Protein backbone atom coordinates (compact mmCIF):
# COMPACT_ATOMS: atom_id res chain seq x y z
CA MET A 1 -31.71 18.87 11.05
CA ASN A 2 -28.51 18.45 9.20
CA ILE A 3 -28.02 21.59 7.18
CA LYS A 4 -24.38 20.62 6.30
CA LEU A 5 -25.65 17.76 4.29
CA ILE A 6 -27.86 19.89 2.18
CA LYS A 7 -24.98 22.44 1.56
CA GLU A 8 -22.49 20.01 0.70
CA LYS A 9 -24.80 17.42 -1.43
CA TRP A 10 -27.60 19.42 -3.15
CA ILE A 11 -25.95 19.80 -6.49
CA LYS A 12 -24.87 16.06 -6.46
CA PHE A 13 -28.47 14.95 -5.71
CA TYR A 14 -29.99 17.45 -8.31
CA LYS A 15 -27.58 16.27 -11.05
CA ARG A 16 -28.15 12.47 -10.14
CA GLY A 17 -32.00 13.05 -10.34
CA PHE A 18 -31.92 15.16 -13.57
CA LEU A 19 -29.47 12.56 -15.36
CA THR A 20 -31.47 9.60 -14.31
CA GLY A 21 -34.84 11.25 -15.42
CA LEU A 22 -33.31 12.23 -18.64
CA ILE A 23 -31.89 8.75 -19.46
CA VAL A 24 -35.03 7.00 -18.31
CA LEU A 25 -37.42 9.26 -20.23
CA SER A 26 -35.36 9.13 -23.33
CA PHE A 27 -35.29 5.40 -23.18
CA ILE A 28 -39.19 5.23 -22.80
CA CYS A 29 -39.48 7.70 -25.53
CA LEU A 30 -37.30 5.64 -27.79
CA ILE A 31 -39.22 2.39 -27.15
CA ASP A 32 -42.41 4.20 -27.53
CA GLN A 33 -41.41 5.32 -30.87
CA LEU A 34 -40.95 1.71 -32.04
CA LEU A 35 -44.45 0.78 -31.08
CA GLN A 36 -47.42 0.76 -33.57
CA ASN A 37 -49.52 2.80 -31.02
CA PRO A 38 -47.42 4.82 -28.62
CA PHE A 39 -48.50 4.82 -25.00
CA PHE A 40 -46.66 7.88 -23.43
CA PHE A 41 -45.70 10.14 -26.35
CA ASN A 42 -47.02 11.06 -29.67
CA LYS A 43 -45.22 9.73 -32.83
CA ILE A 44 -42.34 12.18 -33.45
CA ASP A 45 -42.64 14.14 -36.66
CA SER A 46 -41.80 17.67 -37.83
CA THR A 47 -44.72 19.32 -36.20
CA ASN A 48 -44.35 17.95 -32.65
CA PHE A 49 -40.70 17.31 -32.28
CA LEU A 50 -39.83 20.20 -29.98
CA LEU A 51 -42.96 19.47 -27.83
CA THR A 52 -41.92 15.91 -27.17
CA ILE A 53 -38.16 16.81 -26.32
CA SER A 54 -39.52 19.52 -24.07
CA PHE A 55 -41.69 16.87 -22.26
CA VAL A 56 -38.60 14.93 -21.83
CA PHE A 57 -36.58 17.88 -20.49
CA PHE A 58 -39.23 19.23 -18.19
CA GLY A 59 -39.82 15.56 -16.81
CA SER A 60 -35.96 15.38 -16.16
CA VAL A 61 -35.99 18.88 -14.30
CA PHE A 62 -38.98 17.50 -12.21
CA CYS A 63 -36.99 14.37 -11.35
CA GLY A 64 -34.08 16.65 -10.17
CA ILE A 65 -36.49 18.70 -7.96
CA LEU A 66 -37.79 15.34 -6.45
CA SER A 67 -34.43 13.99 -5.53
CA PHE A 68 -33.64 17.54 -3.82
CA ILE A 69 -36.87 17.22 -1.80
CA PHE A 70 -35.63 13.67 -1.00
CA LEU A 71 -32.27 15.32 0.21
CA ILE A 72 -34.18 17.81 2.59
CA LEU A 73 -36.24 14.91 4.06
CA LEU A 74 -33.06 13.14 4.65
CA SER A 75 -31.65 16.00 6.24
CA PHE A 76 -34.51 16.06 8.57
CA ILE A 77 -33.89 12.39 9.55
CA THR A 78 -30.21 12.49 9.94
CA VAL A 79 -28.15 13.74 12.99
CA PRO A 80 -25.04 15.78 12.08
CA LYS A 81 -21.68 14.18 13.01
CA SER A 82 -19.77 16.23 15.68
């Protein structure tokens, strides 16, 4: 197990996962709002704006956590350099 990899790179992996999730979910939400019948999100109006934004934000947090779990799996596989 490569503990050094986790110590040095956990912030980088989390930020990368969070920002990727934020960009992808925001793009999906934007495209979904242009459709006549949305697939993933409700049509945004004044009553559900915060709910939709919180779905995008919490989905991004989940993507960051997934990338951190991937880093932990990667640290099990790799061997530390001597």
